[in-house]
Amino acid sequence: MTVQLSVNVNKVALVRNTRHLGIPSVTRAATLCLQAGAHGVTVHPRPDGRHIRPQDVFELAALMKQWPRAEFNIEGNPTQNLLDFIRALAGRDMRPQQATFVPDSESQFTSDHGWSLSRDAERLRPLIAECHALGVRVSLFMDPMPDQMAAARAVGADRVELYTEPYAAAWGTPDQAAQLQRYAAAAQAALDAGLGVNAGHDLNRDNLAAFVRAVPGLAEVSIGHAFIADALELGYAATTQAYLACIASGDKS
């Protein structure tokens, strides 16, 4: 199966929020990416509303009804506001296909670590079960630690999203190959445990193809910051096509 590209549109909202004009439009950005071939859209609405706001979540969910083959992925900490969105969307028959549970604090600048299941499993278990009852797949944001994958499955997760910033930071350095091996091993452990494998954080046009090539069973990559930075220069459609080309290059190698 082709690795799916989910475009995170948070940074579009961040720029829009600096003024009160409603531009750039988050839904327009999502539409242009979907028209160009993106397989899905991701948002991470934080409690402080620094970028994606509640109205965006509902407007994007309504938009995604027009794209039945695409997926809507909502990220966030399930102990903060994430479950409120999922419950509300399910109540309006606009449930997302996937919820990605991320262990961010409310003030955290960006996601920078995965769950510790030795500490967090029992509080996650009922929240995962609730998502399943609402018809939503759950992915857990995890560090690339093979010994944690079976624990992620045991707590009820359907997928893991491997946190890829360490790989991105090692790109072009002597540590690059070792980092790729870490992610390949973690992905294989996830597959062996019966989990799907997603990945995201600081993937870009330089490092994406090699990651796709090396990591077994990769189902989805979620890319936001680098994607939107590229789109400022290339446009949404050309950027979508460029990232799809990176994925295709990795798939064929």
Protein backbone atom coordinates (compact mmCIF):
# COMPACT_ATOMS: atom_id res chain seq x y z
CA MET A 1 0.00 0.00 0.00
CA THR A 2 1.26 3.46 -0.86
CA VAL A 3 2.37 5.50 2.13
CA GLN A 4 -0.34 8.08 2.79
CA LEU A 5 0.46 11.79 3.03
CA SER A 6 -1.52 13.72 5.65
CA VAL A 7 -0.93 17.47 5.55
CA ASN A 8 -0.91 19.25 8.90
CA VAL A 9 -2.45 22.71 8.38
CA ASN A 10 -1.70 24.15 11.82
CA LYS A 11 0.83 26.67 10.49
CA VAL A 12 -1.72 28.06 8.03
CA ALA A 13 -3.89 28.89 11.03
CA LEU A 14 -0.91 30.36 12.87
CA VAL A 15 -0.34 32.91 10.10
CA ARG A 16 -4.07 33.68 9.85
CA ASN A 17 -4.28 34.33 13.58
CA THR A 18 -1.85 37.23 13.40
CA ARG A 19 -4.62 39.36 11.86
CA HIS A 20 -8.43 39.43 11.94
CA LEU A 21 -8.99 39.08 8.20
CA GLY A 22 -9.54 35.33 7.96
CA ILE A 23 -6.63 34.83 5.58
CA PRO A 24 -4.94 32.59 4.72
CA SER A 25 -7.89 30.20 4.80
CA VAL A 26 -7.30 26.86 6.50
CA THR A 27 -10.07 25.14 4.56
CA ARG A 28 -8.78 26.55 1.26
CA ALA A 29 -5.31 25.24 2.05
CA ALA A 30 -6.72 21.80 2.84
CA THR A 31 -8.81 21.82 -0.34
CA LEU A 32 -5.85 22.66 -2.56
CA CYS A 33 -3.73 19.93 -0.99
CA LEU A 34 -6.49 17.35 -1.37
CA GLN A 35 -7.08 18.38 -4.98
CA ALA A 36 -3.37 17.86 -5.63
CA GLY A 37 -3.45 14.33 -4.26
CA ALA A 38 -2.88 14.50 -0.48
CA HIS A 39 -4.47 11.54 1.25
CA GLY A 40 -5.58 13.36 4.36
CA VAL A 41 -5.52 16.41 6.61
CA THR A 42 -4.16 16.66 10.17
CA VAL A 43 -4.86 19.27 12.85
CA HIS A 44 -3.55 19.63 16.38
CA PRO A 45 -5.88 22.05 18.21
CA ARG A 46 -4.13 23.13 21.40
CA PRO A 47 -6.10 24.42 24.39
CA ASP A 48 -4.66 27.95 24.01
CA GLY A 49 -5.90 28.25 20.41
CA ARG A 50 -2.49 29.42 19.20
CA HIS A 51 -3.18 28.07 15.71
CA ILE A 52 -6.07 25.71 14.97
CA ARG A 53 -9.26 26.90 16.66
CA PRO A 54 -12.48 24.98 17.39
CA GLN A 55 -14.26 26.47 14.39
CA ASP A 56 -11.46 25.21 12.13
CA VAL A 57 -11.92 21.67 13.40
CA PHE A 58 -15.60 21.65 12.56
CA GLU A 59 -15.17 23.40 9.21
CA LEU A 60 -12.47 20.94 8.18
CA ALA A 61 -14.57 17.98 9.32
CA ALA A 62 -17.40 19.26 7.14
CA LEU A 63 -14.99 19.72 4.23
CA MET A 64 -13.69 16.17 4.58
CA LYS A 65 -17.21 14.83 4.00
CA GLN A 66 -16.65 15.92 0.39
CA TRP A 67 -13.52 13.73 0.22
CA PRO A 68 -14.71 10.27 1.30
CA ARG A 69 -11.42 8.60 0.38
CA ALA A 70 -9.33 11.04 2.42
CA GLU A 71 -8.79 10.88 6.16
CA PHE A 72 -9.16 13.48 8.88
CA ASN A 73 -6.68 13.07 11.73
CA ILE A 74 -6.97 15.06 14.96
CA GLU A 75 -3.93 15.16 17.24
CA GLY A 76 -3.74 16.21 20.84
CA ASN A 77 -3.54 15.23 24.46
CA PRO A 78 -6.64 13.18 25.31
CA THR A 79 -6.55 14.48 28.88
CA GLN A 80 -7.00 18.05 27.59
CA ASN A 81 -9.37 19.00 24.75
CA LEU A 82 -8.96 16.20 22.20
CA LEU A 83 -11.80 13.97 23.39
CA ASP A 84 -14.20 16.92 23.51
CA PHE A 85 -13.67 17.45 19.78
CA ILE A 86 -14.06 13.77 18.97
CA ARG A 87 -17.27 13.47 20.98
CA ALA A 88 -18.73 16.59 19.37
CA LEU A 89 -17.78 15.52 15.85
CA ALA A 90 -19.16 12.02 16.36
CA GLY A 91 -22.40 13.56 17.58
CA ARG A 92 -22.67 15.46 14.29
CA ASP A 93 -21.76 12.41 12.16
CA MET A 94 -18.43 14.03 11.25
CA ARG A 95 -16.12 11.78 13.24
CA PRO A 96 -12.46 11.79 12.22
CA GLN A 97 -10.99 8.57 10.93
CA GLN A 98 -8.06 8.83 13.34
CA ALA A 99 -7.18 10.39 16.67
CA THR A 100 -3.48 10.67 17.46
CA PHE A 101 -2.84 10.85 21.18
CA VAL A 102 0.15 13.10 21.95
CA PRO A 103 1.52 13.63 25.51
CA ASP A 104 1.90 17.41 25.25
CA SER A 105 1.53 19.74 28.21
CA GLU A 106 -0.74 22.76 27.66
CA SER A 107 2.20 25.16 27.41
CA GLN A 108 4.48 22.92 25.35
CA PHE A 109 6.01 24.65 22.32
CA THR A 110 5.80 21.58 20.08
CA SER A 111 5.55 17.82 20.44
CA ASP A 112 8.91 16.51 21.58
CA HIS A 113 8.47 13.05 23.11
CA GLY A 114 6.26 10.00 23.05
CA TRP A 115 4.14 8.32 25.70
CA SER A 116 5.65 6.43 28.63
CA LEU A 117 3.34 3.45 28.79
CA SER A 118 4.73 2.22 32.08
CA ARG A 119 3.31 5.44 33.54
CA ASP A 120 0.44 6.35 31.23
CA ALA A 121 -1.18 3.07 30.16
CA GLU A 122 -3.99 2.94 32.70
CA ARG A 123 -5.23 6.47 32.04
CA LEU A 124 -5.00 5.96 28.27
CA ARG A 125 -6.86 2.66 28.17
CA PRO A 126 -10.40 4.00 28.78
CA LEU A 127 -9.83 6.97 26.48
CA ILE A 128 -8.75 4.67 23.66
CA ALA A 129 -11.77 2.49 24.33
CA GLU A 130 -14.06 5.53 24.12
CA CYS A 131 -12.61 6.49 20.73
CA HIS A 132 -13.17 2.96 19.49
CA ALA A 133 -16.77 3.08 20.69
CA LEU A 134 -17.20 6.28 18.65
CA GLY A 135 -15.73 4.59 15.56
CA VAL A 136 -12.36 6.36 15.61
CA ARG A 137 -8.96 4.70 15.10
CA VAL A 138 -6.32 5.58 17.70
CA SER A 139 -2.62 6.17 17.07
CA LEU A 140 -0.20 6.77 19.95
CA PHE A 141 2.70 9.20 19.50
CA MET A 142 5.73 7.13 20.48
CA ASP A 143 9.50 7.33 20.60
CA PRO A 144 11.23 4.71 18.39
CA MET A 145 11.63 2.13 21.14
CA PRO A 146 10.95 -1.42 19.96
CA ASP A 147 10.26 -2.69 23.46
CA GLN A 148 7.32 -0.27 23.82
CA MET A 149 5.36 -1.42 20.78
CA ALA A 150 3.75 -4.46 22.34
CA ALA A 151 2.72 -2.26 25.28
CA ALA A 152 1.07 0.18 22.87
CA ARG A 153 -0.93 -2.66 21.39
CA ALA A 154 -1.83 -4.01 24.81
CA VAL A 155 -3.31 -0.68 25.87
CA GLY A 156 -5.60 -0.79 22.83
CA ALA A 157 -3.88 1.37 20.20
CA ASP A 158 -4.44 0.61 16.53
CA ARG A 159 -1.31 2.40 15.34
CA VAL A 160 1.73 4.23 16.60
CA GLU A 161 3.09 7.46 15.19
CA LEU A 162 6.87 7.35 15.47
CA TYR A 163 8.31 10.69 16.61
CA THR A 164 10.87 11.44 13.91
CA GLU A 165 12.67 14.58 15.11
CA PRO A 166 15.78 12.60 16.21
CA TYR A 167 16.03 11.15 12.70
CA ALA A 168 15.58 14.59 11.12
CA ALA A 169 18.23 16.07 13.42
CA ALA A 170 20.67 13.32 12.41
CA TRP A 171 20.09 13.78 8.69
CA GLY A 172 23.38 14.37 6.89
CA THR A 173 25.45 13.44 9.94
CA PRO A 174 27.37 10.25 10.79
CA ASP A 175 24.42 9.24 13.02
CA GLN A 176 21.93 9.12 10.16
CA ALA A 177 22.23 5.40 9.41
CA ALA A 178 22.01 4.43 13.07
CA GLN A 179 18.88 6.53 13.51
CA LEU A 180 17.25 4.92 10.50
CA GLN A 181 18.01 1.51 11.96
CA ARG A 182 16.30 2.56 15.20
CA TYR A 183 13.15 3.51 13.34
CA ALA A 184 13.20 0.40 11.18
CA ALA A 185 13.49 -1.76 14.29
CA ALA A 186 10.69 0.10 16.07
CA ALA A 187 8.42 -0.17 13.04
CA GLN A 188 9.08 -3.89 12.71
CA ALA A 189 8.31 -4.38 16.39
CA ALA A 190 5.06 -2.46 15.90
CA LEU A 191 4.11 -4.62 12.94
CA ASP A 192 4.95 -7.75 14.89
CA ALA A 193 2.65 -6.55 17.67
CA GLY A 194 -0.21 -6.02 15.22
CA LEU A 195 0.02 -2.24 15.01
CA GLY A 196 -0.06 0.06 12.02
CA VAL A 197 2.87 2.45 11.65
CA ASN A 198 2.64 6.21 11.14
CA ALA A 199 5.43 8.77 11.44
CA GLY A 200 5.87 12.50 11.76
CA HIS A 201 7.81 15.50 13.02
CA ASP A 202 10.37 17.38 10.93
CA LEU A 203 10.12 15.12 7.91
CA ASN A 204 10.83 17.13 4.76
CA ARG A 205 11.70 16.87 1.08
CA ASP A 206 15.31 16.06 1.87
CA ASN A 207 14.86 13.24 4.36
CA LEU A 208 11.46 11.73 3.52
CA ALA A 209 12.37 9.32 0.71
CA ALA A 210 15.14 7.67 2.72
CA PHE A 211 12.79 7.23 5.65
CA VAL A 212 10.08 5.66 3.50
CA ARG A 213 12.69 3.37 1.95
CA ALA A 214 14.09 2.15 5.27
CA VAL A 215 11.03 1.84 7.53
CA PRO A 216 8.93 -1.29 6.97
CA GLY A 217 5.14 -1.18 6.82
CA LEU A 218 4.87 2.60 6.93
CA ALA A 219 1.21 3.55 6.48
CA GLU A 220 1.15 7.34 6.88
CA VAL A 221 3.36 10.37 7.31
CA SER A 222 1.97 13.57 8.83
CA ILE A 223 3.90 16.66 7.76
CA GLY A 224 3.20 20.26 8.65
CA HIS A 225 5.98 22.74 9.38
CA ALA A 226 8.28 21.89 6.47
CA PHE A 227 5.32 21.38 4.15
CA ILE A 228 3.86 24.83 4.81
CA ALA A 229 7.31 26.43 4.59
CA ASP A 230 7.74 24.86 1.16
CA ALA A 231 4.23 25.90 0.15
CA LEU A 232 5.09 29.54 0.81
CA GLU A 233 7.57 29.28 -2.06
CA LEU A 234 6.06 26.60 -4.30
CA GLY A 235 2.33 26.77 -3.65
CA TYR A 236 0.14 24.10 -2.07
CA ALA A 237 -0.38 21.98 -5.17
CA ALA A 238 3.27 21.84 -6.22
CA THR A 239 4.34 21.12 -2.64
CA THR A 240 1.83 18.28 -2.33
CA GLN A 241 3.10 16.79 -5.57
CA ALA A 242 6.72 17.16 -4.44
CA TYR A 243 6.07 15.27 -1.20
CA LEU A 244 4.13 12.60 -3.04
CA ALA A 245 7.11 12.26 -5.37
CA CYS A 246 9.41 11.78 -2.36
CA ILE A 247 7.13 9.04 -1.08
CA ALA A 248 7.03 7.38 -4.49
CA SER A 249 10.80 7.51 -4.73
CA GLY A 250 11.15 5.80 -1.38
CA ASP A 251 8.50 3.20 -2.21
CA LYS A 252 10.26 2.20 -5.43
CA SER A 253 13.79 1.95 -4.04
